[in-house]
């Protein structure tokens, strides 16, 4: 999520929080996966030893990203409409 956030928050400079959420769930997630796969290779062996497949890891990560985005979207919506 760290690499994804670094990539996604670059779109905040544009001033549109909704596009940031879109980038966070699409391209940012892919950048985060690639960075995780290339930078943290020893961690993959730990997950393999624990019998956790890549599909399970990626599914759990994406669901976490969706939940985070829903919370962020609702906070942005509340702040934008009521302030």
Protein backbone atom coordinates (compact mmCIF):
# COMPACT_ATOMS: atom_id res chain seq x y z
CA UNK A 1 0.00 0.00 0.00
CA UNK A 2 2.97 2.32 0.56
CA UNK A 3 4.15 2.23 -3.06
CA UNK A 4 0.58 2.58 -4.28
CA UNK A 5 0.01 5.61 -2.06
CA UNK A 6 3.21 7.28 -3.27
CA UNK A 7 2.13 6.77 -6.86
CA UNK A 8 -1.53 7.70 -6.34
CA UNK A 9 -0.99 10.84 -4.32
CA UNK A 10 0.88 12.35 -7.25
CA UNK A 11 -2.54 12.83 -8.84
CA UNK A 12 -3.66 14.93 -5.86
CA UNK A 13 -1.60 17.77 -7.30
CA UNK A 14 -4.23 17.92 -10.01
CA UNK A 15 -6.77 18.89 -7.36
CA UNK A 16 -9.35 16.21 -8.12
CA UNK A 17 -9.71 13.75 -5.21
CA UNK A 18 -11.99 11.45 -7.21
CA UNK A 19 -9.33 10.81 -9.83
CA UNK A 20 -6.89 10.04 -7.02
CA UNK A 21 -9.21 7.29 -5.78
CA UNK A 22 -9.51 5.93 -9.32
CA UNK A 23 -5.72 5.88 -9.73
CA UNK A 24 -5.39 4.29 -6.27
CA UNK A 25 -7.62 1.36 -7.26
CA UNK A 26 -6.30 0.78 -10.77
CA UNK A 27 -2.82 1.84 -11.83
CA UNK A 28 -1.58 2.47 -8.32
CA UNK A 29 -2.47 -1.06 -7.27
CA UNK A 30 -0.56 -2.50 -10.22
CA UNK A 31 2.47 -0.32 -9.46
CA UNK A 32 2.29 -1.43 -5.83
CA UNK A 33 2.19 -5.09 -6.82
CA UNK A 34 5.15 -4.74 -9.16
CA UNK A 35 7.18 -2.84 -6.57
CA UNK A 36 6.36 -5.41 -3.90
CA UNK A 37 7.29 -8.28 -6.21
CA UNK A 38 10.62 -6.75 -7.26
CA UNK A 39 11.77 -5.07 -4.05
CA UNK A 40 10.60 -7.54 -1.39
CA UNK A 41 11.45 -10.93 -2.88
CA UNK A 42 12.39 -12.61 0.44
CA UNK A 43 8.88 -11.95 1.75
CA UNK A 44 7.43 -14.07 -1.05
CA UNK A 45 9.28 -17.09 0.31
CA UNK A 46 7.77 -16.51 3.73
CA UNK A 47 4.27 -16.50 2.27
CA UNK A 48 5.03 -19.63 0.25
CA UNK A 49 6.25 -21.38 3.38
CA UNK A 50 3.01 -20.42 5.12
CA UNK A 51 1.04 -21.93 2.18
CA UNK A 52 -0.43 -18.58 1.17
CA UNK A 53 -0.78 -18.34 -2.58
CA UNK A 54 -0.23 -15.21 -4.64
CA UNK A 55 -3.91 -15.15 -5.58
CA UNK A 56 -4.88 -15.08 -1.89
CA UNK A 57 -2.38 -12.31 -1.18
CA UNK A 58 -3.46 -10.17 -4.11
CA UNK A 59 -7.16 -10.69 -3.37
CA UNK A 60 -6.69 -9.71 0.27
CA UNK A 61 -4.65 -6.66 -0.74
CA UNK A 62 -7.24 -5.52 -3.30
CA UNK A 63 -10.12 -5.93 -0.85
CA UNK A 64 -8.11 -3.86 1.63
CA UNK A 65 -7.60 -1.20 -1.04
CA UNK A 66 -11.32 -1.15 -1.83
CA UNK A 67 -12.24 -0.75 1.85
CA UNK A 68 -9.67 2.02 2.28
CA UNK A 69 -10.99 3.76 -0.84
CA UNK A 70 -14.60 3.55 0.34
CA UNK A 71 -13.68 5.17 3.64
CA UNK A 72 -11.61 7.83 1.88
CA UNK A 73 -14.39 8.48 -0.66
CA UNK A 74 -17.01 8.92 2.06
CA UNK A 75 -14.76 11.28 4.02
CA UNK A 76 -14.03 13.31 0.88
CA UNK A 77 -17.72 13.40 0.05
CA UNK A 78 -18.67 14.55 3.57
CA UNK A 79 -16.00 17.21 3.70
CA UNK A 80 -16.68 18.49 0.20
CA UNK A 81 -20.47 18.68 0.54
CA UNK A 82 -20.79 19.95 4.10
CA UNK A 83 -17.96 22.46 4.27
